[in-house]
Protein backbone atom coordinates (compact mmCIF):
# COMPACT_ATOMS: atom_id res chain seq x y z
CA UNK A 1 0.00 0.00 0.00
CA UNK A 2 1.22 3.51 -0.79
CA UNK A 3 1.87 5.88 2.10
CA UNK A 4 0.00 8.90 0.75
CA UNK A 5 0.22 11.96 3.00
CA UNK A 6 -2.37 14.33 1.50
CA UNK A 7 -3.64 15.69 -1.81
CA UNK A 8 -0.84 17.84 -3.25
CA UNK A 9 -2.84 19.80 -5.82
CA UNK A 10 -5.69 19.68 -8.29
CA UNK A 11 -5.08 20.72 -11.92
CA UNK A 12 -7.76 22.37 -14.04
CA UNK A 13 -7.54 23.26 -17.74
CA UNK A 14 -9.64 26.36 -18.36
CA UNK A 15 -11.06 27.71 -21.60
CA UNK A 16 -10.70 31.37 -20.55
CA UNK A 17 -7.60 31.92 -18.46
CA UNK A 18 -8.60 35.43 -17.36
CA UNK A 19 -12.16 34.42 -16.42
CA UNK A 20 -10.96 31.42 -14.41
CA UNK A 21 -8.17 33.42 -12.77
CA UNK A 22 -10.71 36.04 -11.66
CA UNK A 23 -13.20 33.40 -10.48
CA UNK A 24 -10.74 31.43 -8.36
CA UNK A 25 -8.90 34.47 -6.93
CA UNK A 26 -11.44 37.29 -6.66
CA UNK A 27 -14.57 35.24 -5.95
CA UNK A 28 -13.36 32.07 -4.21
CA UNK A 29 -10.41 33.76 -2.50
CA UNK A 30 -7.43 31.69 -3.64
CA UNK A 31 -4.08 33.50 -3.58
CA UNK A 32 -1.54 33.43 -6.40
CA UNK A 33 1.63 31.50 -5.56
CA UNK A 34 3.11 31.72 -9.05
CA UNK A 35 2.07 32.66 -12.57
CA UNK A 36 4.05 31.42 -15.55
CA UNK A 37 3.78 31.76 -19.31
CA UNK A 38 5.13 28.69 -21.10
CA UNK A 39 5.94 29.96 -24.59
CA UNK A 40 6.67 26.50 -26.03
CA UNK A 41 3.08 25.48 -25.21
CA UNK A 42 1.43 28.89 -25.68
CA UNK A 43 0.04 28.23 -22.22
CA UNK A 44 -0.27 29.89 -18.84
CA UNK A 45 0.12 28.02 -15.56
CA UNK A 46 -1.27 29.63 -12.42
CA UNK A 47 -0.42 28.14 -9.03
CA UNK A 48 -3.00 28.94 -6.35
CA UNK A 49 -3.12 28.50 -2.59
CA UNK A 50 -6.02 28.30 -0.16
CA UNK A 51 -5.16 29.45 3.37
CA UNK A 52 -1.44 29.31 2.51
CA UNK A 53 -1.69 25.71 1.26
CA UNK A 54 -0.81 25.07 -2.40
CA UNK A 55 -4.04 23.63 -3.78
CA UNK A 56 -4.85 24.36 -7.44
CA UNK A 57 -3.07 24.66 -10.77
CA UNK A 58 -4.93 26.44 -13.57
CA UNK A 59 -3.73 25.83 -17.11
CA UNK A 60 -4.64 27.52 -20.37
CA UNK A 61 -4.04 25.75 -23.66
CA UNK A 62 -4.97 26.85 -27.17
CA UNK A 63 -8.28 25.23 -28.15
CA UNK A 64 -8.67 22.57 -25.46
CA UNK A 65 -11.38 20.04 -26.31
CA UNK A 66 -14.55 20.33 -24.26
CA UNK A 67 -15.07 17.73 -21.56
CA UNK A 68 -18.67 16.56 -21.27
CA UNK A 69 -19.21 16.59 -17.53
CA UNK A 70 -21.82 16.56 -14.84
CA UNK A 71 -21.99 15.44 -11.27
CA UNK A 72 -23.11 11.97 -12.31
CA UNK A 73 -20.61 11.46 -15.18
CA UNK A 74 -17.75 8.97 -14.85
CA UNK A 75 -14.53 10.46 -13.53
CA UNK A 76 -14.07 13.27 -11.05
CA UNK A 77 -17.52 14.13 -9.74
CA UNK A 78 -16.82 17.53 -8.16
CA UNK A 79 -14.44 19.53 -5.94
CA UNK A 80 -15.76 20.39 -2.49
CA UNK A 81 -14.65 23.35 -0.37
CA UNK A 82 -15.32 23.63 3.36
CA UNK A 83 -16.98 26.82 4.63
CA UNK A 84 -18.03 27.83 8.13
CA UNK A 85 -21.11 29.84 7.10
CA UNK A 86 -22.84 28.47 4.03
CA UNK A 87 -25.46 31.23 3.86
CA UNK A 88 -22.74 33.91 3.76
CA UNK A 89 -20.81 31.93 1.14
CA UNK A 90 -23.93 31.59 -1.02
CA UNK A 91 -24.61 35.32 -0.67
CA UNK A 92 -21.07 36.07 -1.87
CA UNK A 93 -21.53 33.82 -4.90
CA UNK A 94 -24.85 35.48 -5.72
CA UNK A 95 -23.31 38.97 -5.42
CA UNK A 96 -20.85 37.85 -8.08
CA UNK A 97 -23.53 36.63 -10.47
CA UNK A 98 -23.21 32.94 -9.59
CA UNK A 99 -26.41 31.04 -8.85
CA UNK A 100 -25.81 27.99 -6.67
CA UNK A 101 -28.32 25.20 -6.27
CA UNK A 102 -30.63 25.37 -3.25
CA UNK A 103 -28.90 24.48 0.01
CA UNK A 104 -29.44 20.84 0.98
CA UNK A 105 -28.80 18.79 4.11
CA UNK A 106 -26.45 15.79 4.02
CA UNK A 107 -28.60 12.91 5.21
CA UNK A 108 -25.66 11.22 6.95
CA UNK A 109 -23.93 14.16 8.65
CA UNK A 110 -26.75 16.70 8.96
CA UNK A 111 -24.43 19.34 7.44
CA UNK A 112 -25.55 21.87 4.81
CA UNK A 113 -24.12 21.90 1.29
CA UNK A 114 -24.73 23.30 -2.16
CA UNK A 115 -23.32 23.01 -5.68
CA UNK A 116 -22.32 25.69 -8.19
CA UNK A 117 -20.23 25.87 -11.39
CA UNK A 118 -16.93 27.48 -12.33
CA UNK A 119 -16.52 29.41 -15.62
CA UNK A 120 -15.98 26.11 -17.50
CA UNK A 121 -19.08 24.52 -15.96
CA UNK A 122 -17.03 22.31 -13.60
CA UNK A 123 -19.13 21.24 -10.61
CA UNK A 124 -17.98 22.71 -7.30
CA UNK A 125 -19.47 22.20 -3.85
CA UNK A 126 -19.58 24.26 -0.67
CA UNK A 127 -19.86 22.08 2.43
CA UNK A 128 -20.47 23.62 5.82
CA UNK A 129 -17.97 22.37 8.37
C-alpha atoms as a PDB file:
ATOM      1  CA  UNK A   1       0.000   0.000   0.000  1.00  0.00           C
ATOM      2  CA  UNK A   2       1.220   3.510  -0.789  1.00  0.00           C
ATOM      3  CA  UNK A   3       1.874   5.882   2.097  1.00  0.00           C
ATOM      4  CA  UNK A   4       0.003   8.905   0.755  1.00  0.00           C
ATOM      5  CA  UNK A   5       0.224  11.958   2.996  1.00  0.00           C
ATOM      6  CA  UNK A   6      -2.365  14.335   1.497  1.00  0.00           C
ATOM      7  CA  UNK A   7      -3.637  15.688  -1.810  1.00  0.00           C
ATOM      8  CA  UNK A   8      -0.836  17.836  -3.254  1.00  0.00           C
ATOM      9  CA  UNK A   9      -2.838  19.796  -5.816  1.00  0.00           C
ATOM     10  CA  UNK A  10      -5.692  19.680  -8.291  1.00  0.00           C
ATOM     11  CA  UNK A  11      -5.084  20.716 -11.916  1.00  0.00           C
ATOM     12  CA  UNK A  12      -7.761  22.370 -14.044  1.00  0.00           C
ATOM     13  CA  UNK A  13      -7.544  23.265 -17.744  1.00  0.00           C
ATOM     14  CA  UNK A  14      -9.642  26.356 -18.364  1.00  0.00           C
ATOM     15  CA  UNK A  15     -11.061  27.714 -21.596  1.00  0.00           C
ATOM     16  CA  UNK A  16     -10.702  31.365 -20.553  1.00  0.00           C
ATOM     17  CA  UNK A  17      -7.600  31.924 -18.463  1.00  0.00           C
ATOM     18  CA  UNK A  18      -8.595  35.429 -17.356  1.00  0.00           C
ATOM     19  CA  UNK A  19     -12.165  34.416 -16.424  1.00  0.00           C
ATOM     20  CA  UNK A  20     -10.955  31.421 -14.407  1.00  0.00           C
ATOM     21  CA  UNK A  21      -8.168  33.415 -12.771  1.00  0.00           C
ATOM     22  CA  UNK A  22     -10.709  36.039 -11.657  1.00  0.00           C
ATOM     23  CA  UNK A  23     -13.198  33.398 -10.483  1.00  0.00           C
ATOM     24  CA  UNK A  24     -10.739  31.435  -8.358  1.00  0.00           C
ATOM     25  CA  UNK A  25      -8.901  34.466  -6.927  1.00  0.00           C
ATOM     26  CA  UNK A  26     -11.441  37.290  -6.663  1.00  0.00           C
ATOM     27  CA  UNK A  27     -14.567  35.245  -5.952  1.00  0.00           C
ATOM     28  CA  UNK A  28     -13.360  32.071  -4.212  1.00  0.00           C
ATOM     29  CA  UNK A  29     -10.411  33.760  -2.499  1.00  0.00           C
ATOM     30  CA  UNK A  30      -7.428  31.688  -3.642  1.00  0.00           C
ATOM     31  CA  UNK A  31      -4.077  33.498  -3.579  1.00  0.00           C
ATOM     32  CA  UNK A  32      -1.544  33.427  -6.405  1.00  0.00           C
ATOM     33  CA  UNK A  33       1.632  31.505  -5.559  1.00  0.00           C
ATOM     34  CA  UNK A  34       3.113  31.723  -9.046  1.00  0.00           C
ATOM     35  CA  UNK A  35       2.075  32.659 -12.573  1.00  0.00           C
ATOM     36  CA  UNK A  36       4.051  31.416 -15.553  1.00  0.00           C
ATOM     37  CA  UNK A  37       3.783  31.762 -19.310  1.00  0.00           C
ATOM     38  CA  UNK A  38       5.131  28.693 -21.096  1.00  0.00           C
ATOM     39  CA  UNK A  39       5.940  29.956 -24.589  1.00  0.00           C
ATOM     40  CA  UNK A  40       6.674  26.497 -26.026  1.00  0.00           C
ATOM     41  CA  UNK A  41       3.082  25.483 -25.206  1.00  0.00           C
ATOM     42  CA  UNK A  42       1.428  28.891 -25.679  1.00  0.00           C
ATOM     43  CA  UNK A  43       0.042  28.234 -22.217  1.00  0.00           C
ATOM     44  CA  UNK A  44      -0.273  29.885 -18.839  1.00  0.00           C
ATOM     45  CA  UNK A  45       0.125  28.017 -15.558  1.00  0.00           C
ATOM     46  CA  UNK A  46      -1.274  29.629 -12.422  1.00  0.00           C
ATOM     47  CA  UNK A  47      -0.424  28.136  -9.025  1.00  0.00           C
ATOM     48  CA  UNK A  48      -3.003  28.937  -6.355  1.00  0.00           C
ATOM     49  CA  UNK A  49      -3.123  28.500  -2.594  1.00  0.00           C
ATOM     50  CA  UNK A  50      -6.016  28.296  -0.162  1.00  0.00           C
ATOM     51  CA  UNK A  51      -5.162  29.449   3.369  1.00  0.00           C
ATOM     52  CA  UNK A  52      -1.437  29.310   2.514  1.00  0.00           C
ATOM     53  CA  UNK A  53      -1.693  25.713   1.257  1.00  0.00           C
ATOM     54  CA  UNK A  54      -0.807  25.071  -2.396  1.00  0.00           C
ATOM     55  CA  UNK A  55      -4.040  23.634  -3.778  1.00  0.00           C
ATOM     56  CA  UNK A  56      -4.852  24.356  -7.444  1.00  0.00           C
ATOM     57  CA  UNK A  57      -3.075  24.659 -10.770  1.00  0.00           C
ATOM     58  CA  UNK A  58      -4.927  26.441 -13.574  1.00  0.00           C
ATOM     59  CA  UNK A  59      -3.730  25.833 -17.108  1.00  0.00           C
ATOM     60  CA  UNK A  60      -4.641  27.518 -20.370  1.00  0.00           C
ATOM     61  CA  UNK A  61      -4.037  25.753 -23.658  1.00  0.00           C
ATOM     62  CA  UNK A  62      -4.972  26.846 -27.171  1.00  0.00           C
ATOM     63  CA  UNK A  63      -8.278  25.227 -28.150  1.00  0.00           C
ATOM     64  CA  UNK A  64      -8.668  22.570 -25.455  1.00  0.00           C
ATOM     65  CA  UNK A  65     -11.379  20.044 -26.315  1.00  0.00           C
ATOM     66  CA  UNK A  66     -14.554  20.331 -24.263  1.00  0.00           C
ATOM     67  CA  UNK A  67     -15.067  17.734 -21.562  1.00  0.00           C
ATOM     68  CA  UNK A  68     -18.666  16.565 -21.267  1.00  0.00           C
ATOM     69  CA  UNK A  69     -19.213  16.592 -17.530  1.00  0.00           C
ATOM     70  CA  UNK A  70     -21.822  16.557 -14.844  1.00  0.00           C
ATOM     71  CA  UNK A  71     -21.992  15.441 -11.265  1.00  0.00           C
ATOM     72  CA  UNK A  72     -23.108  11.966 -12.315  1.00  0.00           C
ATOM     73  CA  UNK A  73     -20.613  11.464 -15.180  1.00  0.00           C
ATOM     74  CA  UNK A  74     -17.746   8.973 -14.851  1.00  0.00           C
ATOM     75  CA  UNK A  75     -14.534  10.461 -13.525  1.00  0.00           C
ATOM     76  CA  UNK A  76     -14.070  13.268 -11.049  1.00  0.00           C
ATOM     77  CA  UNK A  77     -17.519  14.128  -9.738  1.00  0.00           C
ATOM     78  CA  UNK A  78     -16.822  17.531  -8.158  1.00  0.00           C
ATOM     79  CA  UNK A  79     -14.445  19.527  -5.943  1.00  0.00           C
ATOM     80  CA  UNK A  80     -15.763  20.394  -2.489  1.00  0.00           C
ATOM     81  CA  UNK A  81     -14.653  23.349  -0.369  1.00  0.00           C
ATOM     82  CA  UNK A  82     -15.324  23.629   3.361  1.00  0.00           C
ATOM     83  CA  UNK A  83     -16.983  26.820   4.634  1.00  0.00           C
ATOM     84  CA  UNK A  84     -18.028  27.827   8.133  1.00  0.00           C
ATOM     85  CA  UNK A  85     -21.114  29.839   7.100  1.00  0.00           C
ATOM     86  CA  UNK A  86     -22.839  28.465   4.026  1.00  0.00           C
ATOM     87  CA  UNK A  87     -25.462  31.229   3.858  1.00  0.00           C
ATOM     88  CA  UNK A  88     -22.737  33.909   3.764  1.00  0.00           C
ATOM     89  CA  UNK A  89     -20.809  31.928   1.140  1.00  0.00           C
ATOM     90  CA  UNK A  90     -23.928  31.585  -1.024  1.00  0.00           C
ATOM     91  CA  UNK A  91     -24.609  35.324  -0.671  1.00  0.00           C
ATOM     92  CA  UNK A  92     -21.069  36.068  -1.874  1.00  0.00           C
ATOM     93  CA  UNK A  93     -21.528  33.815  -4.899  1.00  0.00           C
ATOM     94  CA  UNK A  94     -24.846  35.476  -5.720  1.00  0.00           C
ATOM     95  CA  UNK A  95     -23.306  38.973  -5.418  1.00  0.00           C
ATOM     96  CA  UNK A  96     -20.849  37.853  -8.082  1.00  0.00           C
ATOM     97  CA  UNK A  97     -23.531  36.630 -10.474  1.00  0.00           C
ATOM     98  CA  UNK A  98     -23.210  32.937  -9.589  1.00  0.00           C
ATOM     99  CA  UNK A  99     -26.407  31.040  -8.854  1.00  0.00           C
ATOM    100  CA  UNK A 100     -25.814  27.989  -6.674  1.00  0.00           C
ATOM    101  CA  UNK A 101     -28.322  25.201  -6.272  1.00  0.00           C
ATOM    102  CA  UNK A 102     -30.628  25.375  -3.254  1.00  0.00           C
ATOM    103  CA  UNK A 103     -28.895  24.477   0.011  1.00  0.00           C
ATOM    104  CA  UNK A 104     -29.438  20.844   0.983  1.00  0.00           C
ATOM    105  CA  UNK A 105     -28.798  18.790   4.108  1.00  0.00           C
ATOM    106  CA  UNK A 106     -26.447  15.789   4.024  1.00  0.00           C
ATOM    107  CA  UNK A 107     -28.598  12.906   5.208  1.00  0.00           C
ATOM    108  CA  UNK A 108     -25.657  11.224   6.955  1.00  0.00           C
ATOM    109  CA  UNK A 109     -23.932  14.159   8.647  1.00  0.00           C
ATOM    110  CA  UNK A 110     -26.745  16.695   8.965  1.00  0.00           C
ATOM    111  CA  UNK A 111     -24.428  19.345   7.436  1.00  0.00           C
ATOM    112  CA  UNK A 112     -25.551  21.867   4.812  1.00  0.00           C
ATOM    113  CA  UNK A 113     -24.116  21.904   1.288  1.00  0.00           C
ATOM    114  CA  UNK A 114     -24.727  23.300  -2.163  1.00  0.00           C
ATOM    115  CA  UNK A 115     -23.317  23.010  -5.678  1.00  0.00           C
ATOM    116  CA  UNK A 116     -22.316  25.688  -8.190  1.00  0.00           C
ATOM    117  CA  UNK A 117     -20.233  25.874 -11.392  1.00  0.00           C
ATOM    118  CA  UNK A 118     -16.935  27.475 -12.327  1.00  0.00           C
ATOM    119  CA  UNK A 119     -16.520  29.413 -15.623  1.00  0.00           C
ATOM    120  CA  UNK A 120     -15.984  26.113 -17.497  1.00  0.00           C
ATOM    121  CA  UNK A 121     -19.076  24.515 -15.960  1.00  0.00           C
ATOM    122  CA  UNK A 122     -17.035  22.306 -13.601  1.00  0.00           C
ATOM    123  CA  UNK A 123     -19.126  21.240 -10.610  1.00  0.00           C
ATOM    124  CA  UNK A 124     -17.976  22.707  -7.302  1.00  0.00           C
ATOM    125  CA  UNK A 125     -19.468  22.199  -3.849  1.00  0.00           C
ATOM    126  CA  UNK A 126     -19.584  24.257  -0.674  1.00  0.00           C
ATOM    127  CA  UNK A 127     -19.862  22.080   2.427  1.00  0.00           C
ATOM    128  CA  UNK A 128     -20.474  23.621   5.825  1.00  0.00           C
ATOM    129  CA  UNK A 129     -17.966  22.366   8.374  1.00  0.00           C
END
